[in-house]
Structure formats: structure tokens, C-alpha cells
């Protein structure tokens, strides 16, 4: 039996300033190949479509993104089978997504958004319509990057962290054991 829990990104503190560096890093990483988004200002000709979403409330803000649920409601609700689980990460295939929004309704965190699709730096049109085709967008932990999610690296305030619950549990167990040993409460 595989007891490995999938990783996910969390916003760990209240230091978020709303700078949107996480959203821009996310958008850039996911659009370099097909849409030729480069690293300088003025090269973006398509809508910015990040896979995490800065959320502002009262006097604070935090990026919200997919928790990579073990029994993922988005995956289970996808009628088009556009969402798949690969190595513990939920991945949306934009070209299979029919835009039914079932995944948005099912997600308990509001971590999925319907955004326009672009290929070769051009908006993709719906078949038989002048409207731009939309797809579900959600965090895929930058599955194509070897060194982890771009948002975590881009955050200037270290608000975002890649959480591995199994490692976190082990660290907490060790700290608890040390504390119990030091206090003599065994």
C-alpha cells in the first residue's frame, strides 16, 4: 500500500504584499514553449493565465492554489476526463477541457478558474464561434520543472512553501520526542 501523500503549495504566513510575483512566475513558466512568453516586459500578447490566484480580503491577501486533494473532487467531477492524476498531482489537459465548470463547483478551495486558452501566442477560438475558448486552469506544481514550483522561487517574501506532509509529520514527531525527553515527560 502506498502511503505517500502528495505535495502541495501553501501560503504560510501573513507577509504577502499582493505583489503578484507568484502569478507572473506561474504564467511565464507555463507559456514559454507554446506562447513564447519571454522574461522581459512587453513580450506578452496573450491574456495572463496563472494557475494560482491572488485573493484579497479585508486588509490581507494570499495566493490560493490547488491542494492536490487525495480524493480530488475536481478529478471526480470532470465529465470530459480532462483532469488526470500524475504522480500525485492533478493535471488539466486544456485541449480536452470542455469548459463545463464542474471542477470549479467541486473544488472546496476555489483554486480553479476558467481562463482563455492561447497557442502560438494567439487566442484559441471556439469551433463555430467568435468567442475565445476557455479551459480550467489550476496549479500543477510546475510538473515540468525539476526544481519545483516557480511561484515558490519567485515570492520575494517567502510566503509560499512546497509542503510535503510526510516530511512535516516526521519533523514534528522528532521535535515532540526531543521536547518530551528534555522535560522528562516520557
C-alpha atoms as a PDB file:
ATOM      1  CA  UNK A   1       0.000   0.000   0.000  1.00  0.00           C
ATOM      2  CA  UNK A   2       1.317   3.424  -0.973  1.00  0.00           C
ATOM      3  CA  UNK A   3       1.102   5.843   1.961  1.00  0.00           C
ATOM      4  CA  UNK A   4       2.808   8.736   0.199  1.00  0.00           C
ATOM      5  CA  UNK A   5       0.768  11.908   0.435  1.00  0.00           C
ATOM      6  CA  UNK A   6       1.047  14.277  -2.482  1.00  0.00           C
ATOM      7  CA  UNK A   7       2.810  17.590  -2.075  1.00  0.00           C
ATOM      8  CA  UNK A   8       1.148  20.985  -2.500  1.00  0.00           C
ATOM      9  CA  UNK A   9       1.994  24.646  -2.118  1.00  0.00           C
ATOM     10  CA  UNK A  10       0.791  26.565   0.912  1.00  0.00           C
ATOM     11  CA  UNK A  11       0.888  30.220   1.859  1.00  0.00           C
ATOM     12  CA  UNK A  12       2.437  30.037   5.324  1.00  0.00           C
ATOM     13  CA  UNK A  13       2.205  33.492   6.819  1.00  0.00           C
ATOM     14  CA  UNK A  14       0.664  36.916   6.582  1.00  0.00           C
ATOM     15  CA  UNK A  15       3.621  38.548   4.851  1.00  0.00           C
ATOM     16  CA  UNK A  16       2.014  38.557   1.390  1.00  0.00           C
ATOM     17  CA  UNK A  17       2.043  42.061  -0.052  1.00  0.00           C
ATOM     18  CA  UNK A  18      -0.023  41.218  -3.128  1.00  0.00           C
ATOM     19  CA  UNK A  19       2.877  41.866  -5.499  1.00  0.00           C
ATOM     20  CA  UNK A  20       1.664  39.115  -7.875  1.00  0.00           C
ATOM     21  CA  UNK A  21       5.203  37.831  -8.482  1.00  0.00           C
ATOM     22  CA  UNK A  22       3.786  34.325  -7.931  1.00  0.00           C
ATOM     23  CA  UNK A  23       1.123  34.759 -10.607  1.00  0.00           C
ATOM     24  CA  UNK A  24       3.568  36.189 -13.137  1.00  0.00           C
ATOM     25  CA  UNK A  25       6.127  33.432 -12.475  1.00  0.00           C
ATOM     26  CA  UNK A  26       3.401  30.809 -12.882  1.00  0.00           C
ATOM     27  CA  UNK A  27       2.113  32.311 -16.123  1.00  0.00           C
ATOM     28  CA  UNK A  28       5.607  32.712 -17.549  1.00  0.00           C
ATOM     29  CA  UNK A  29       6.703  29.138 -16.815  1.00  0.00           C
ATOM     30  CA  UNK A  30       3.573  27.673 -18.365  1.00  0.00           C
ATOM     31  CA  UNK A  31       3.721  29.809 -21.513  1.00  0.00           C
ATOM     32  CA  UNK A  32       7.365  29.786 -22.565  1.00  0.00           C
ATOM     33  CA  UNK A  33       7.152  26.892 -25.013  1.00  0.00           C
ATOM     34  CA  UNK A  34       3.847  27.291 -26.825  1.00  0.00           C
ATOM     35  CA  UNK A  35       3.333  31.032 -26.484  1.00  0.00           C
ATOM     36  CA  UNK A  36       6.939  32.267 -26.484  1.00  0.00           C
ATOM     37  CA  UNK A  37       6.484  34.341 -23.334  1.00  0.00           C
ATOM     38  CA  UNK A  38       9.922  35.632 -22.508  1.00  0.00           C
ATOM     39  CA  UNK A  39      11.464  37.184 -19.442  1.00  0.00           C
ATOM     40  CA  UNK A  40      11.075  40.864 -20.324  1.00  0.00           C
ATOM     41  CA  UNK A  41       8.194  43.300 -20.112  1.00  0.00           C
ATOM     42  CA  UNK A  42       6.339  43.913 -23.345  1.00  0.00           C
ATOM     43  CA  UNK A  43       6.528  40.392 -24.727  1.00  0.00           C
ATOM     44  CA  UNK A  44       3.106  39.221 -23.574  1.00  0.00           C
ATOM     45  CA  UNK A  45       0.484  39.370 -26.305  1.00  0.00           C
ATOM     46  CA  UNK A  46      -1.974  36.931 -24.722  1.00  0.00           C
ATOM     47  CA  UNK A  47      -4.126  37.090 -21.593  1.00  0.00           C
ATOM     48  CA  UNK A  48      -2.208  36.356 -18.387  1.00  0.00           C
ATOM     49  CA  UNK A  49      -3.465  32.980 -17.180  1.00  0.00           C
ATOM     50  CA  UNK A  50      -1.788  31.934 -13.925  1.00  0.00           C
ATOM     51  CA  UNK A  51      -2.648  28.673 -12.202  1.00  0.00           C
ATOM     52  CA  UNK A  52      -2.790  30.214  -8.734  1.00  0.00           C
ATOM     53  CA  UNK A  53      -4.892  33.188  -7.813  1.00  0.00           C
ATOM     54  CA  UNK A  54      -4.040  36.065  -5.525  1.00  0.00           C
ATOM     55  CA  UNK A  55      -7.025  36.597  -3.270  1.00  0.00           C
ATOM     56  CA  UNK A  56      -7.555  39.839  -1.394  1.00  0.00           C
ATOM     57  CA  UNK A  57      -9.783  40.139   1.648  1.00  0.00           C
ATOM     58  CA  UNK A  58     -10.193  42.952   4.185  1.00  0.00           C
ATOM     59  CA  UNK A  59      -6.608  44.168   4.699  1.00  0.00           C
ATOM     60  CA  UNK A  60      -4.774  40.995   3.706  1.00  0.00           C
ATOM     61  CA  UNK A  61      -4.094  38.931   0.630  1.00  0.00           C
ATOM     62  CA  UNK A  62      -2.803  35.442  -0.110  1.00  0.00           C
ATOM     63  CA  UNK A  63      -2.357  33.330  -3.193  1.00  0.00           C
ATOM     64  CA  UNK A  64      -4.785  30.398  -3.342  1.00  0.00           C
ATOM     65  CA  UNK A  65      -3.902  27.299  -5.251  1.00  0.00           C
ATOM     66  CA  UNK A  66      -4.750  23.645  -5.650  1.00  0.00           C
ATOM     67  CA  UNK A  67      -4.197  21.402  -2.605  1.00  0.00           C
ATOM     68  CA  UNK A  68      -3.767  18.350  -4.866  1.00  0.00           C
ATOM     69  CA  UNK A  69      -6.514  16.537  -2.913  1.00  0.00           C
ATOM     70  CA  UNK A  70      -6.066  12.795  -2.445  1.00  0.00           C
ATOM     71  CA  UNK A  71      -9.672  12.071  -3.473  1.00  0.00           C
ATOM     72  CA  UNK A  72      -9.859  15.095  -5.745  1.00  0.00           C
ATOM     73  CA  UNK A  73     -13.385  16.436  -6.276  1.00  0.00           C
ATOM     74  CA  UNK A  74     -12.245  18.189  -9.464  1.00  0.00           C
ATOM     75  CA  UNK A  75     -10.930  14.941 -10.911  1.00  0.00           C
ATOM     76  CA  UNK A  76     -14.049  13.039  -9.912  1.00  0.00           C
ATOM     77  CA  UNK A  77     -16.377  15.660 -11.384  1.00  0.00           C
ATOM     78  CA  UNK A  78     -14.632  16.096 -14.737  1.00  0.00           C
ATOM     79  CA  UNK A  79     -17.049  14.730 -17.346  1.00  0.00           C
ATOM     80  CA  UNK A  80     -14.531  15.184 -20.172  1.00  0.00           C
ATOM     81  CA  UNK A  81     -11.717  13.334 -18.351  1.00  0.00           C
ATOM     82  CA  UNK A  82      -9.562  16.436 -18.880  1.00  0.00           C
ATOM     83  CA  UNK A  83      -8.147  16.194 -15.353  1.00  0.00           C
ATOM     84  CA  UNK A  84      -5.786  13.344 -14.564  1.00  0.00           C
ATOM     85  CA  UNK A  85      -3.655  12.432 -11.572  1.00  0.00           C
ATOM     86  CA  UNK A  86       0.010  12.009 -12.428  1.00  0.00           C
ATOM     87  CA  UNK A  87       2.436  11.204  -9.608  1.00  0.00           C
ATOM     88  CA  UNK A  88       0.047  12.700  -7.045  1.00  0.00           C
ATOM     89  CA  UNK A  89      -0.542  15.911  -8.999  1.00  0.00           C
ATOM     90  CA  UNK A  90      -3.824  16.865 -10.679  1.00  0.00           C
ATOM     91  CA  UNK A  91      -3.124  17.960 -14.252  1.00  0.00           C
ATOM     92  CA  UNK A  92      -5.645  19.701 -16.547  1.00  0.00           C
ATOM     93  CA  UNK A  93      -5.384  18.966 -20.260  1.00  0.00           C
ATOM     94  CA  UNK A  94      -6.629  22.255 -21.656  1.00  0.00           C
ATOM     95  CA  UNK A  95      -7.369  20.773 -25.062  1.00  0.00           C
ATOM     96  CA  UNK A  96      -9.698  18.136 -23.571  1.00  0.00           C
ATOM     97  CA  UNK A  97     -11.467  20.569 -21.227  1.00  0.00           C
ATOM     98  CA  UNK A  98     -14.966  21.436 -22.480  1.00  0.00           C
ATOM     99  CA  UNK A  99     -15.432  24.327 -20.047  1.00  0.00           C
ATOM    100  CA  UNK A 100     -18.376  22.748 -18.195  1.00  0.00           C
ATOM    101  CA  UNK A 101     -17.169  24.263 -14.875  1.00  0.00           C
ATOM    102  CA  UNK A 102     -17.963  21.119 -12.870  1.00  0.00           C
ATOM    103  CA  UNK A 103     -14.431  21.211 -11.442  1.00  0.00           C
ATOM    104  CA  UNK A 104     -14.910  24.823 -10.303  1.00  0.00           C
ATOM    105  CA  UNK A 105     -18.092  23.859  -8.473  1.00  0.00           C
ATOM    106  CA  UNK A 106     -16.471  20.799  -6.914  1.00  0.00           C
ATOM    107  CA  UNK A 107     -13.257  22.460  -5.683  1.00  0.00           C
ATOM    108  CA  UNK A 108     -13.660  23.317  -1.975  1.00  0.00           C
ATOM    109  CA  UNK A 109     -10.849  25.905  -2.124  1.00  0.00           C
ATOM    110  CA  UNK A 110     -11.820  27.959  -5.166  1.00  0.00           C
ATOM    111  CA  UNK A 111      -8.494  27.009  -6.700  1.00  0.00           C
ATOM    112  CA  UNK A 112      -9.764  26.517 -10.266  1.00  0.00           C
ATOM    113  CA  UNK A 113     -10.606  29.267 -12.701  1.00  0.00           C
ATOM    114  CA  UNK A 114     -11.871  29.286 -16.295  1.00  0.00           C
ATOM    115  CA  UNK A 115      -9.457  31.312 -18.419  1.00  0.00           C
ATOM    116  CA  UNK A 116      -8.836  31.808 -22.144  1.00  0.00           C
ATOM    117  CA  UNK A 117      -6.530  29.389 -23.971  1.00  0.00           C
ATOM    118  CA  UNK A 118      -3.715  30.633 -26.216  1.00  0.00           C
ATOM    119  CA  UNK A 119      -1.483  28.667 -28.579  1.00  0.00           C
ATOM    120  CA  UNK A 120       1.353  30.089 -30.636  1.00  0.00           C
ATOM    121  CA  UNK A 121       0.730  33.466 -28.985  1.00  0.00           C
ATOM    122  CA  UNK A 122      -2.823  33.589 -30.389  1.00  0.00           C
ATOM    123  CA  UNK A 123      -6.148  33.089 -28.626  1.00  0.00           C
ATOM    124  CA  UNK A 124      -7.799  29.750 -29.484  1.00  0.00           C
ATOM    125  CA  UNK A 125     -11.299  30.250 -30.915  1.00  0.00           C
ATOM    126  CA  UNK A 126     -14.249  28.045 -30.078  1.00  0.00           C
ATOM    127  CA  UNK A 127     -15.367  25.905 -33.003  1.00  0.00           C
ATOM    128  CA  UNK A 128     -18.234  27.639 -34.809  1.00  0.00           C
ATOM    129  CA  UNK A 129     -17.987  30.806 -32.698  1.00  0.00           C
ATOM    130  CA  UNK A 130     -16.072  34.053 -32.497  1.00  0.00           C
ATOM    131  CA  UNK A 131     -15.579  33.559 -28.770  1.00  0.00           C
ATOM    132  CA  UNK A 132     -12.224  32.615 -27.272  1.00  0.00           C
ATOM    133  CA  UNK A 133     -12.120  29.074 -25.970  1.00  0.00           C
ATOM    134  CA  UNK A 134     -11.694  28.752 -22.214  1.00  0.00           C
ATOM    135  CA  UNK A 135     -10.329  25.962 -20.061  1.00  0.00           C
ATOM    136  CA  UNK A 136      -9.968  25.143 -16.408  1.00  0.00           C
ATOM    137  CA  UNK A 137      -6.654  26.361 -15.015  1.00  0.00           C
ATOM    138  CA  UNK A 138      -5.220  25.128 -11.719  1.00  0.00           C
ATOM    139  CA  UNK A 139      -1.835  24.590 -10.107  1.00  0.00           C
ATOM    140  CA  UNK A 140       0.067  21.582 -11.431  1.00  0.00           C
ATOM    141  CA  UNK A 141       3.090  22.181  -9.155  1.00  0.00           C
ATOM    142  CA  UNK A 142       5.052  23.124 -12.295  1.00  0.00           C
ATOM    143  CA  UNK A 143       5.203  19.429 -13.120  1.00  0.00           C
ATOM    144  CA  UNK A 144       7.622  20.089 -15.980  1.00  0.00           C
ATOM    145  CA  UNK A 145      10.196  21.803 -13.755  1.00  0.00           C
ATOM    146  CA  UNK A 146      12.759  19.689 -11.929  1.00  0.00           C
ATOM    147  CA  UNK A 147      13.393  22.224  -9.166  1.00  0.00           C
ATOM    148  CA  UNK A 148       9.815  22.781  -8.032  1.00  0.00           C
ATOM    149  CA  UNK A 149       7.064  25.344  -8.442  1.00  0.00           C
ATOM    150  CA  UNK A 150       8.040  28.696  -9.947  1.00  0.00           C
ATOM    151  CA  UNK A 151       5.765  30.605  -7.559  1.00  0.00           C
ATOM    152  CA  UNK A 152       7.720  29.394  -4.518  1.00  0.00           C
ATOM    153  CA  UNK A 153      11.008  30.563  -6.041  1.00  0.00           C
ATOM    154  CA  UNK A 154       9.575  33.901  -7.191  1.00  0.00           C
ATOM    155  CA  UNK A 155       7.981  35.001  -3.904  1.00  0.00           C
ATOM    156  CA  UNK A 156      10.144  37.823  -2.514  1.00  0.00           C
ATOM    157  CA  UNK A 157       8.707  37.361   0.992  1.00  0.00           C
ATOM    158  CA  UNK A 158       8.935  33.557   1.305  1.00  0.00           C
ATOM    159  CA  UNK A 159       5.178  33.332   1.739  1.00  0.00           C
ATOM    160  CA  UNK A 160       4.860  30.195  -0.388  1.00  0.00           C
ATOM    161  CA  UNK A 161       6.275  26.819   0.555  1.00  0.00           C
ATOM    162  CA  UNK A 162       6.100  23.401  -1.050  1.00  0.00           C
ATOM    163  CA  UNK A 163       4.516  21.258   1.643  1.00  0.00           C
ATOM    164  CA  UNK A 164       5.277  17.571   1.942  1.00  0.00           C
ATOM    165  CA  UNK A 165       3.027  16.317   4.721  1.00  0.00           C
ATOM    166  CA  UNK A 166       5.005  13.139   5.355  1.00  0.00           C
ATOM    167  CA  UNK A 167       8.243  15.107   5.915  1.00  0.00           C
ATOM    168  CA  UNK A 168       6.352  17.661   8.011  1.00  0.00           C
ATOM    169  CA  UNK A 169       4.885  14.888  10.199  1.00  0.00           C
ATOM    170  CA  UNK A 170       8.333  13.339  10.732  1.00  0.00           C
ATOM    171  CA  UNK A 171       9.845  16.707  11.732  1.00  0.00           C
ATOM    172  CA  UNK A 172       7.007  17.344  14.196  1.00  0.00           C
ATOM    173  CA  UNK A 173       7.424  13.854  15.683  1.00  0.00           C
ATOM    174  CA  UNK A 174      11.155  14.433  16.189  1.00  0.00           C
ATOM    175  CA  UNK A 175      10.550  17.835  17.818  1.00  0.00           C
ATOM    176  CA  UNK A 176       7.904  16.309  20.100  1.00  0.00           C
ATOM    177  CA  UNK A 177      10.223  13.457  21.081  1.00  0.00           C
ATOM    178  CA  UNK A 178      13.040  15.898  21.862  1.00  0.00           C
ATOM    179  CA  UNK A 179      10.688  18.087  23.922  1.00  0.00           C
ATOM    180  CA  UNK A 180       9.409  15.099  25.878  1.00  0.00           C
ATOM    181  CA  UNK A 181      12.959  13.918  26.512  1.00  0.00           C
ATOM    182  CA  UNK A 182      14.054  17.367  27.724  1.00  0.00           C
ATOM    183  CA  UNK A 183      11.083  17.771  30.053  1.00  0.00           C
ATOM    184  CA  UNK A 184      11.257  14.215  31.373  1.00  0.00           C
ATOM    185  CA  UNK A 185       7.630  13.541  30.393  1.00  0.00           C
ATOM    186  CA  UNK A 186       8.118  10.101  28.913  1.00  0.00           C
END
